[in-house]
PDB file of all heavy atoms in Angstrom:
ATOM      1  N   TYR A   1       0.832  -1.204   0.000  1.00  0.00           N
ATOM      2  CA  TYR A   1       0.000   0.000   0.000  1.00  0.00           C
ATOM      3  C   TYR A   1       0.868   1.255   0.000  1.00  0.00           C
ATOM      4  O   TYR A   1       0.779   2.099  -0.880  1.00  0.00           O
ATOM      5  CB  TYR A   1      -0.939  -0.030   1.207  1.00  0.00           C
ATOM      6  CG  TYR A   1      -1.906   1.128   1.285  1.00  0.00           C
ATOM      7  CD1 TYR A   1      -2.707   1.477   0.210  1.00  0.00           C
ATOM      8  CD2 TYR A   1      -2.034   1.857   2.467  1.00  0.00           C
ATOM      9  CE1 TYR A   1      -3.605   2.532   0.296  1.00  0.00           C
ATOM     10  CE2 TYR A   1      -2.934   2.907   2.564  1.00  0.00           C
ATOM     11  CZ  TYR A   1      -3.714   3.237   1.483  1.00  0.00           C
ATOM     12  OH  TYR A   1      -4.596   4.275   1.567  1.00  0.00           O
ATOM     13  N   GLY A   2       1.693   1.396   1.014  1.00  0.00           N
ATOM     14  CA  GLY A   2       2.680   2.455   1.041  1.00  0.00           C
ATOM     15  C   GLY A   2       2.141   3.861   1.076  1.00  0.00           C
ATOM     16  O   GLY A   2       2.796   4.804   0.622  1.00  0.00           O
ATOM     17  N   HIS A   3       0.941   4.065   1.613  1.00  0.00           N
ATOM     18  CA  HIS A   3       0.365   5.407   1.639  1.00  0.00           C
ATOM     19  C   HIS A   3       0.979   6.202   2.789  1.00  0.00           C
ATOM     20  O   HIS A   3       1.106   5.695   3.905  1.00  0.00           O
ATOM     21  CB  HIS A   3      -1.151   5.333   1.814  1.00  0.00           C
ATOM     22  CG  HIS A   3      -1.878   6.577   1.429  1.00  0.00           C
ATOM     23  ND1 HIS A   3      -1.793   7.739   2.161  1.00  0.00           N
ATOM     24  CD2 HIS A   3      -2.695   6.848   0.383  1.00  0.00           C
ATOM     25  CE1 HIS A   3      -2.530   8.678   1.591  1.00  0.00           C
ATOM     26  NE2 HIS A   3      -3.077   8.173   0.504  1.00  0.00           N
ATOM     27  N   PRO A   4       1.373   7.439   2.547  1.00  0.00           N
ATOM     28  CA  PRO A   4       1.931   8.250   3.646  1.00  0.00           C
ATOM     29  C   PRO A   4       0.853   8.626   4.653  1.00  0.00           C
ATOM     30  O   PRO A   4      -0.341   8.443   4.412  1.00  0.00           O
ATOM     31  CB  PRO A   4       2.457   9.493   2.924  1.00  0.00           C
ATOM     32  CG  PRO A   4       1.597   9.604   1.707  1.00  0.00           C
ATOM     33  CD  PRO A   4       1.300   8.185   1.286  1.00  0.00           C
ATOM     34  N   ARG A   5       1.262   9.177   5.785  1.00  0.00           N
ATOM     35  CA  ARG A   5       0.307   9.651   6.777  1.00  0.00           C
ATOM     36  C   ARG A   5      -0.560  10.764   6.185  1.00  0.00           C
ATOM     37  O   ARG A   5      -0.126  11.505   5.309  1.00  0.00           O
ATOM     38  CB  ARG A   5       1.032  10.150   8.025  1.00  0.00           C
ATOM     39  CG  ARG A   5       1.755   9.068   8.800  1.00  0.00           C
ATOM     40  CD  ARG A   5       2.212   9.606  10.152  1.00  0.00           C
ATOM     41  NE  ARG A   5       3.112  10.738  10.001  1.00  0.00           N
ATOM     42  CZ  ARG A   5       4.440  10.647  10.022  1.00  0.00           C
ATOM     43  NH1 ARG A   5       5.002   9.472  10.177  1.00  0.00           N
ATOM     44  NH2 ARG A   5       5.183  11.734   9.895  1.00  0.00           N
ATOM     45  N   VAL A   6      -1.786  10.844   6.677  1.00  0.00           N
ATOM     46  CA  VAL A   6      -2.719  11.871   6.211  1.00  0.00           C
ATOM     47  C   VAL A   6      -3.284  12.618   7.406  1.00  0.00           C
ATOM     48  O   VAL A   6      -3.433  12.070   8.492  1.00  0.00           O
ATOM     49  CB  VAL A   6      -3.882  11.253   5.391  1.00  0.00           C
ATOM     50  CG1 VAL A   6      -3.371  10.679   4.082  1.00  0.00           C
ATOM     51  CG2 VAL A   6      -4.611  10.172   6.199  1.00  0.00           C
ATOM     52  N   ARG A   7      -3.602  13.903   7.206  1.00  0.00           N
ATOM     53  CA  ARG A   7      -4.230  14.684   8.265  1.00  0.00           C
ATOM     54  C   ARG A   7      -5.720  14.429   8.244  1.00  0.00           C
ATOM     55  O   ARG A   7      -6.400  14.710   7.253  1.00  0.00           O
ATOM     56  CB  ARG A   7      -3.916  16.176   8.082  1.00  0.00           C
ATOM     57  CG  ARG A   7      -2.557  16.569   8.579  1.00  0.00           C
ATOM     58  CD  ARG A   7      -2.359  18.074   8.531  1.00  0.00           C
ATOM     59  NE  ARG A   7      -2.358  18.567   7.171  1.00  0.00           N
ATOM     60  CZ  ARG A   7      -1.295  18.509   6.365  1.00  0.00           C
ATOM     61  NH1 ARG A   7      -0.180  17.977   6.800  1.00  0.00           N
ATOM     62  NH2 ARG A   7      -1.365  18.983   5.140  1.00  0.00           N
ATOM     63  N   ARG A   8      -6.258  13.933   9.358  1.00  0.00           N
ATOM     64  CA  ARG A   8      -7.686  13.641   9.458  1.00  0.00           C
ATOM     65  C   ARG A   8      -8.341  14.269  10.685  1.00  0.00           C
ATOM     66  O   ARG A   8      -9.545  14.359  10.752  1.00  0.00           O
ATOM     67  CB  ARG A   8      -7.905  12.127   9.499  1.00  0.00           C
ATOM     68  CG  ARG A   8      -7.637  11.437   8.177  1.00  0.00           C
ATOM     69  CD  ARG A   8      -8.652  11.858   7.108  1.00  0.00           C
ATOM     70  NE  ARG A   8      -8.571  10.979   5.956  1.00  0.00           N
ATOM     71  CZ  ARG A   8      -9.188   9.829   5.879  1.00  0.00           C
ATOM     72  NH1 ARG A   8      -9.959   9.418   6.876  1.00  0.00           N
ATOM     73  NH2 ARG A   8      -9.053   9.069   4.815  1.00  0.00           N
ATOM     74  N   VAL A   9      -7.556  14.648  11.673  1.00  0.00           N
ATOM     75  CA  VAL A   9      -8.085  15.288  12.878  1.00  0.00           C
ATOM     76  C   VAL A   9      -7.642  16.747  12.855  1.00  0.00           C
ATOM     77  O   VAL A   9      -6.452  17.036  12.683  1.00  0.00           O
ATOM     78  CB  VAL A   9      -7.592  14.592  14.157  1.00  0.00           C
ATOM     79  CG1 VAL A   9      -8.171  15.269  15.394  1.00  0.00           C
ATOM     80  CG2 VAL A   9      -7.951  13.104  14.135  1.00  0.00           C
ATOM     81  N   PHE A  10      -8.608  17.654  13.021  1.00  0.00           N
ATOM     82  CA  PHE A  10      -8.320  19.086  12.900  1.00  0.00           C
ATOM     83  C   PHE A  10      -9.043  19.882  13.973  1.00  0.00           C
ATOM     84  O   PHE A  10     -10.123  19.498  14.435  1.00  0.00           O
ATOM     85  CB  PHE A  10      -8.811  19.637  11.547  1.00  0.00           C
ATOM     86  CG  PHE A  10      -8.129  19.111  10.333  1.00  0.00           C
ATOM     87  CD1 PHE A  10      -8.556  17.935   9.728  1.00  0.00           C
ATOM     88  CD2 PHE A  10      -7.068  19.803   9.754  1.00  0.00           C
ATOM     89  CE1 PHE A  10      -7.955  17.461   8.581  1.00  0.00           C
ATOM     90  CE2 PHE A  10      -6.457  19.334   8.609  1.00  0.00           C
ATOM     91  CZ  PHE A  10      -6.898  18.163   8.018  1.00  0.00           C
ATOM     92  N   LYS A  11      -8.457  21.024  14.328  1.00  0.00           N
ATOM     93  CA  LYS A  11      -9.257  22.079  14.916  1.00  0.00           C
ATOM     94  C   LYS A  11     -10.125  22.630  13.776  1.00  0.00           C
ATOM     95  O   LYS A  11      -9.626  22.876  12.677  1.00  0.00           O
ATOM     96  CB  LYS A  11      -8.373  23.174  15.511  1.00  0.00           C
ATOM     97  CG  LYS A  11      -7.577  22.723  16.726  1.00  0.00           C
ATOM     98  CD  LYS A  11      -8.481  22.456  17.922  1.00  0.00           C
ATOM     99  CE  LYS A  11      -7.695  21.977  19.140  1.00  0.00           C
ATOM    100  NZ  LYS A  11      -6.789  23.010  19.676  1.00  0.00           N
ATOM    101  N   LYS A  12     -11.379  22.800  14.044  1.00  0.00           N
ATOM    102  CA  LYS A  12     -12.347  23.106  12.985  1.00  0.00           C
ATOM    103  C   LYS A  12     -11.942  24.299  12.133  1.00  0.00           C
ATOM    104  O   LYS A  12     -12.109  24.298  10.909  1.00  0.00           O
ATOM    105  CB  LYS A  12     -13.715  23.342  13.633  1.00  0.00           C
ATOM    106  CG  LYS A  12     -14.871  23.484  12.694  1.00  0.00           C
ATOM    107  CD  LYS A  12     -16.192  23.422  13.451  1.00  0.00           C
ATOM    108  CE  LYS A  12     -16.244  24.362  14.641  1.00  0.00           C
ATOM    109  NZ  LYS A  12     -17.543  24.303  15.347  1.00  0.00           N
ATOM    110  N   GLN A  13     -11.394  25.316  12.757  1.00  0.00           N
ATOM    111  CA  GLN A  13     -11.057  26.533  12.026  1.00  0.00           C
ATOM    112  C   GLN A  13      -9.820  26.361  11.155  1.00  0.00           C
ATOM    113  O   GLN A  13      -9.492  27.256  10.348  1.00  0.00           O
ATOM    114  CB  GLN A  13     -10.852  27.705  12.989  1.00  0.00           C
ATOM    115  CG  GLN A  13      -9.627  27.585  13.885  1.00  0.00           C
ATOM    116  CD  GLN A  13      -9.920  26.820  15.170  1.00  0.00           C
ATOM    117  OE1 GLN A  13     -10.935  26.120  15.265  1.00  0.00           O
ATOM    118  NE2 GLN A  13      -9.058  26.976  16.159  1.00  0.00           N
ATOM    119  N   CYS A  14      -9.137  25.233  11.283  1.00  0.00           N
ATOM    120  CA  CYS A  14      -7.899  25.010  10.528  1.00  0.00           C
ATOM    121  C   CYS A  14      -8.094  24.106   9.322  1.00  0.00           C
ATOM    122  O   CYS A  14      -7.115  23.750   8.649  1.00  0.00           O
ATOM    123  CB  CYS A  14      -6.831  24.400  11.442  1.00  0.00           C
ATOM    124  SG  CYS A  14      -6.366  25.453  12.829  1.00  0.00           S
ATOM    125  N   VAL A  15      -9.322  23.713   9.039  1.00  0.00           N
ATOM    126  CA  VAL A  15      -9.585  22.780   7.946  1.00  0.00           C
ATOM    127  C   VAL A  15      -9.637  23.511   6.614  1.00  0.00           C
ATOM    128  O   VAL A  15     -10.386  24.476   6.444  1.00  0.00           O
ATOM    129  CB  VAL A  15     -10.917  22.036   8.164  1.00  0.00           C
ATOM    130  CG1 VAL A  15     -11.223  21.150   6.960  1.00  0.00           C
ATOM    131  CG2 VAL A  15     -10.874  21.217   9.441  1.00  0.00           C
ATOM    132  N   HIS A  16      -8.814  23.069   5.679  1.00  0.00           N
ATOM    133  CA  HIS A  16      -8.952  23.513   4.295  1.00  0.00           C
ATOM    134  C   HIS A  16      -8.399  22.438   3.367  1.00  0.00           C
ATOM    135  O   HIS A  16      -7.223  22.098   3.425  1.00  0.00           O
ATOM    136  CB  HIS A  16      -8.244  24.835   4.017  1.00  0.00           C
ATOM    137  CG  HIS A  16      -8.533  25.349   2.642  1.00  0.00           C
ATOM    138  ND1 HIS A  16      -7.718  25.087   1.559  1.00  0.00           N
ATOM    139  CD2 HIS A  16      -9.578  26.085   2.163  1.00  0.00           C
ATOM    140  CE1 HIS A  16      -8.232  25.646   0.476  1.00  0.00           C
ATOM    141  NE2 HIS A  16      -9.361  26.246   0.815  1.00  0.00           N
ATOM    142  N   PHE A  17      -9.288  21.866   2.555  1.00  0.00           N
ATOM    143  CA  PHE A  17      -8.913  20.856   1.577  1.00  0.00           C
ATOM    144  C   PHE A  17      -9.030  21.426   0.175  1.00  0.00           C
ATOM    145  O   PHE A  17      -9.881  22.271  -0.095  1.00  0.00           O
ATOM    146  CB  PHE A  17      -9.835  19.628   1.681  1.00  0.00           C
ATOM    147  CG  PHE A  17      -9.528  18.720   2.832  1.00  0.00           C
ATOM    148  CD1 PHE A  17     -10.107  18.926   4.075  1.00  0.00           C
ATOM    149  CD2 PHE A  17      -8.673  17.640   2.682  1.00  0.00           C
ATOM    150  CE1 PHE A  17      -9.836  18.090   5.146  1.00  0.00           C
ATOM    151  CE2 PHE A  17      -8.394  16.795   3.742  1.00  0.00           C
ATOM    152  CZ  PHE A  17      -8.987  17.014   4.976  1.00  0.00           C
ATOM    153  N   ARG A  18      -8.182  20.947  -0.702  1.00  0.00           N
ATOM    154  CA  ARG A  18      -8.270  21.295  -2.115  1.00  0.00           C
ATOM    155  C   ARG A  18      -8.196  20.020  -2.944  1.00  0.00           C
ATOM    156  O   ARG A  18      -7.589  19.026  -2.528  1.00  0.00           O
ATOM    157  CB  ARG A  18      -7.157  22.265  -2.508  1.00  0.00           C
ATOM    158  CG  ARG A  18      -5.771  21.681  -2.367  1.00  0.00           C
ATOM    159  CD  ARG A  18      -4.718  22.708  -2.716  1.00  0.00           C
ATOM    160  NE  ARG A  18      -4.564  23.696  -1.651  1.00  0.00           N
ATOM    161  CZ  ARG A  18      -3.881  24.818  -1.800  1.00  0.00           C
ATOM    162  NH1 ARG A  18      -3.307  25.103  -2.953  1.00  0.00           N
ATOM    163  NH2 ARG A  18      -3.764  25.666  -0.800  1.00  0.00           N
ATOM    164  N   SER A  19      -8.835  20.029  -4.107  1.00  0.00           N
ATOM    165  CA  SER A  19      -8.905  18.849  -4.967  1.00  0.00           C
ATOM    166  C   SER A  19      -7.972  19.000  -6.152  1.00  0.00           C
ATOM    167  O   SER A  19      -7.765  20.115  -6.663  1.00  0.00           O
ATOM    168  CB  SER A  19     -10.344  18.642  -5.451  1.00  0.00           C
ATOM    169  OG  SER A  19     -10.431  17.505  -6.292  1.00  0.00           O
ATOM    170  N   GLU A  20      -7.395  17.887  -6.584  1.00  0.00           N
ATOM    171  CA  GLU A  20      -6.559  17.883  -7.779  1.00  0.00           C
ATOM    172  C   GLU A  20      -6.682  16.513  -8.439  1.00  0.00           C
ATOM    173  O   GLU A  20      -6.182  15.515  -7.923  1.00  0.00           O
ATOM    174  CB  GLU A  20      -5.106  18.182  -7.434  1.00  0.00           C
ATOM    175  CG  GLU A  20      -4.220  18.301  -8.664  1.00  0.00           C
ATOM    176  CD  GLU A  20      -2.822  18.773  -8.332  1.00  0.00           C
ATOM    177  OE1 GLU A  20      -2.031  17.932  -7.886  1.00  0.00           O
ATOM    178  OE2 GLU A  20      -2.532  19.968  -8.507  1.00  0.00           O
ATOM    179  N   GLY A  21      -7.379  16.455  -9.565  1.00  0.00           N
ATOM    180  CA  GLY A  21      -7.598  15.173 -10.211  1.00  0.00           C
ATOM    181  C   GLY A  21      -8.409  14.258  -9.321  1.00  0.00           C
ATOM    182  O   GLY A  21      -9.484  14.619  -8.853  1.00  0.00           O
ATOM    183  N   ALA A  22      -7.882  13.066  -9.064  1.00  0.00           N
ATOM    184  CA  ALA A  22      -8.558  12.117  -8.180  1.00  0.00           C
ATOM    185  C   ALA A  22      -8.001  12.176  -6.769  1.00  0.00           C
ATOM    186  O   ALA A  22      -8.269  11.292  -5.960  1.00  0.00           O
ATOM    187  CB  ALA A  22      -8.420  10.702  -8.739  1.00  0.00           C
ATOM    188  N   ARG A  23      -7.247  13.234  -6.476  1.00  0.00           N
ATOM    189  CA  ARG A  23      -6.593  13.348  -5.178  1.00  0.00           C
ATOM    190  C   ARG A  23      -7.079  14.593  -4.443  1.00  0.00           C
ATOM    191  O   ARG A  23      -7.707  15.458  -5.023  1.00  0.00           O
ATOM    192  CB  ARG A  23      -5.073  13.431  -5.382  1.00  0.00           C
ATOM    193  CG  ARG A  23      -4.456  12.122  -5.852  1.00  0.00           C
ATOM    194  CD  ARG A  23      -3.115  12.315  -6.557  1.00  0.00           C
ATOM    195  NE  ARG A  23      -3.300  12.810  -7.912  1.00  0.00           N
ATOM    196  CZ  ARG A  23      -2.879  13.995  -8.335  1.00  0.00           C
ATOM    197  NH1 ARG A  23      -2.254  14.818  -7.508  1.00  0.00           N
ATOM    198  NH2 ARG A  23      -3.070  14.371  -9.587  1.00  0.00           N
ATOM    199  N   GLU A  24      -6.765  14.630  -3.164  1.00  0.00           N
ATOM    200  CA  GLU A  24      -7.080  15.796  -2.349  1.00  0.00           C
ATOM    201  C   GLU A  24      -5.904  16.077  -1.436  1.00  0.00           C
ATOM    202  O   GLU A  24      -5.159  15.164  -1.066  1.00  0.00           O
ATOM    203  CB  GLU A  24      -8.344  15.561  -1.516  1.00  0.00           C
ATOM    204  CG  GLU A  24      -8.203  14.425  -0.515  1.00  0.00           C
ATOM    205  CD  GLU A  24      -9.413  14.282   0.384  1.00  0.00           C
ATOM    206  OE1 GLU A  24     -10.298  15.131   0.319  1.00  0.00           O
ATOM    207  OE2 GLU A  24      -9.445  13.304   1.157  1.00  0.00           O
ATOM    208  N   TYR A  25      -5.733  17.336  -1.104  1.00  0.00           N
ATOM    209  CA  TYR A  25      -4.664  17.745  -0.197  1.00  0.00           C
ATOM    210  C   TYR A  25      -5.246  18.692   0.839  1.00  0.00           C
ATOM    211  O   TYR A  25      -6.130  19.501   0.536  1.00  0.00           O
ATOM    212  CB  TYR A  25      -3.543  18.470  -0.953  1.00  0.00           C
ATOM    213  CG  TYR A  25      -2.934  17.681  -2.081  1.00  0.00           C
ATOM    214  CD1 TYR A  25      -3.050  18.113  -3.394  1.00  0.00           C
ATOM    215  CD2 TYR A  25      -2.244  16.508  -1.829  1.00  0.00           C
ATOM    216  CE1 TYR A  25      -2.491  17.387  -4.442  1.00  0.00           C
ATOM    217  CE2 TYR A  25      -1.681  15.775  -2.859  1.00  0.00           C
ATOM    218  CZ  TYR A  25      -1.801  16.221  -4.168  1.00  0.00           C
ATOM    219  OH  TYR A  25      -1.261  15.500  -5.186  1.00  0.00           O
ATOM    220  N   SER A  26      -4.741  18.603   2.045  1.00  0.00           N
ATOM    221  CA  SER A  26      -5.123  19.573   3.072  1.00  0.00           C
ATOM    222  C   SER A  26      -3.972  20.542   3.284  1.00  0.00           C
ATOM    223  O   SER A  26      -2.799  20.158   3.220  1.00  0.00           O
ATOM    224  CB  SER A  26      -5.464  18.864   4.387  1.00  0.00           C
ATOM    225  OG  SER A  26      -4.342  18.157   4.879  1.00  0.00           O
ATOM    226  N   ASP A  27      -4.299  21.802   3.520  1.00  0.00           N
ATOM    227  CA  ASP A  27      -3.260  22.797   3.768  1.00  0.00           C
ATOM    228  C   ASP A  27      -2.547  22.489   5.079  1.00  0.00           C
ATOM    229  O   ASP A  27      -3.130  21.924   6.009  1.00  0.00           O
ATOM    230  CB  ASP A  27      -3.875  24.193   3.848  1.00  0.00           C
ATOM    231  CG  ASP A  27      -4.312  24.701   2.481  1.00  0.00           C
ATOM    232  OD1 ASP A  27      -4.084  23.991   1.476  1.00  0.00           O
ATOM    233  OD2 ASP A  27      -4.878  25.802   2.416  1.00  0.00           O
ATOM    234  N   GLN A  28      -1.279  22.867   5.142  1.00  0.00           N
ATOM    235  CA  GLN A  28      -0.525  22.622   6.358  1.00  0.00           C
ATOM    236  C   GLN A  28      -1.024  23.538   7.483  1.00  0.00           C
ATOM    237  O   GLN A  28      -1.626  24.585   7.244  1.00  0.00           O
ATOM    238  CB  GLN A  28       0.960  22.843   6.127  1.00  0.00           C
ATOM    239  CG  GLN A  28       1.368  24.263   5.829  1.00  0.00           C
ATOM    240  CD  GLN A  28       2.874  24.373   5.680  1.00  0.00           C
ATOM    241  OE1 GLN A  28       3.630  23.616   6.283  1.00  0.00           O
ATOM    242  NE2 GLN A  28       3.331  25.323   4.880  1.00  0.00           N
ATOM    243  N   THR A  29      -0.790  23.091   8.687  1.00  0.00           N
ATOM    244  CA  THR A  29      -1.197  23.851   9.867  1.00  0.00           C
ATOM    245  C   THR A  29       0.036  24.167  10.700  1.00  0.00           C
ATOM    246  O   THR A  29       1.096  23.556  10.548  1.00  0.00           O
ATOM    247  CB  THR A  29      -2.209  23.058  10.705  1.00  0.00           C
ATOM    248  OG1 THR A  29      -1.629  21.794  11.086  1.00  0.00           O
ATOM    249  CG2 THR A  29      -3.485  22.796   9.916  1.00  0.00           C
ATOM    250  N   GLU A  30      -0.110  25.115  11.607  1.00  0.00           N
ATOM    251  CA  GLU A  30       1.044  25.575  12.384  1.00  0.00           C
ATOM    252  C   GLU A  30       1.510  24.518  13.377  1.00  0.00           C
ATOM    253  O   GLU A  30       2.701  24.255  13.514  1.00  0.00           O
ATOM    254  CB  GLU A  30       0.682  26.871  13.108  1.00  0.00           C
ATOM    255  CG  GLU A  30       1.834  27.465  13.897  1.00  0.00           C
ATOM    256  CD  GLU A  30       1.473  28.797  14.535  1.00  0.00           C
ATOM    257  OE1 GLU A  30       0.411  29.355  14.186  1.00  0.00           O
ATOM    258  OE2 GLU A  30       2.244  29.262  15.394  1.00  0.00           O
ATOM    259  N   ARG A  31       0.552  23.887  14.089  1.00  0.00           N
ATOM    260  CA  ARG A  31       0.906  22.900  15.115  1.00  0.00           C
ATOM    261  C   ARG A  31       0.322  21.550  14.716  1.00  0.00           C
ATOM    262  O   ARG A  31      -0.887  21.390  14.628  1.00  0.00           O
ATOM    263  CB  ARG A  31       0.369  23.334  16.474  1.00  0.00           C
ATOM    264  CG  ARG A  31       0.943  24.670  16.966  1.00  0.00           C
ATOM    265  CD  ARG A  31       0.207  25.162  18.192  1.00  0.00           C
ATOM    266  NE  ARG A  31      -1.220  25.407  17.932  1.00  0.00           N
ATOM    267  CZ  ARG A  31      -2.062  25.912  18.805  1.00  0.00           C
ATOM    268  NH1 ARG A  31      -1.639  26.222  20.024  1.00  0.00           N
ATOM    269  NH2 ARG A  31      -3.323  26.099  18.493  1.00  0.00           N
ATOM    270  N   GLN A  32       1.204  20.605  14.486  1.00  0.00           N
ATOM    271  CA  GLN A  32       0.769  19.308  13.970  1.00  0.00           C
ATOM    272  C   GLN A  32       1.339  18.169  14.817  1.00  0.00           C
ATOM    273  O   GLN A  32       2.516  18.175  15.163  1.00  0.00           O
ATOM    274  CB  GLN A  32       1.229  19.159  12.524  1.00  0.00           C
ATOM    275  CG  GLN A  32       0.780  17.884  11.842  1.00  0.00           C
ATOM    276  CD  GLN A  32       1.129  17.925  10.367  1.00  0.00           C
ATOM    277  OE1 GLN A  32       0.564  18.705   9.602  1.00  0.00           O
ATOM    278  NE2 GLN A  32       2.069  17.094   9.963  1.00  0.00           N
ATOM    279  N   LEU A  33       0.483  17.206  15.139  1.00  0.00           N
ATOM    280  CA  LEU A  33       0.896  16.012  15.878  1.00  0.00           C
ATOM    281  C   LEU A  33       0.755  14.788  14.987  1.00  0.00           C
ATOM    282  O   LEU A  33       0.131  14.837  13.929  1.00  0.00           O
ATOM    283  CB  LEU A  33       0.054  15.850  17.139  1.00  0.00           C
ATOM    284  CG  LEU A  33       0.099  16.981  18.164  1.00  0.00           C
ATOM    285  CD1 LEU A  33      -0.810  16.658  19.348  1.00  0.00           C
ATOM    286  CD2 LEU A  33       1.528  17.235  18.646  1.00  0.00           C
TER     287      LEU A  33
END
């Protein structure tokens, strides 16, 4: 499979996803665990 880690838990105000083709990316956040 080899999928990298994904961001799935957020502070609500920090959520922003964008779409590209069949993929999606979330914007980086200042404090990440």
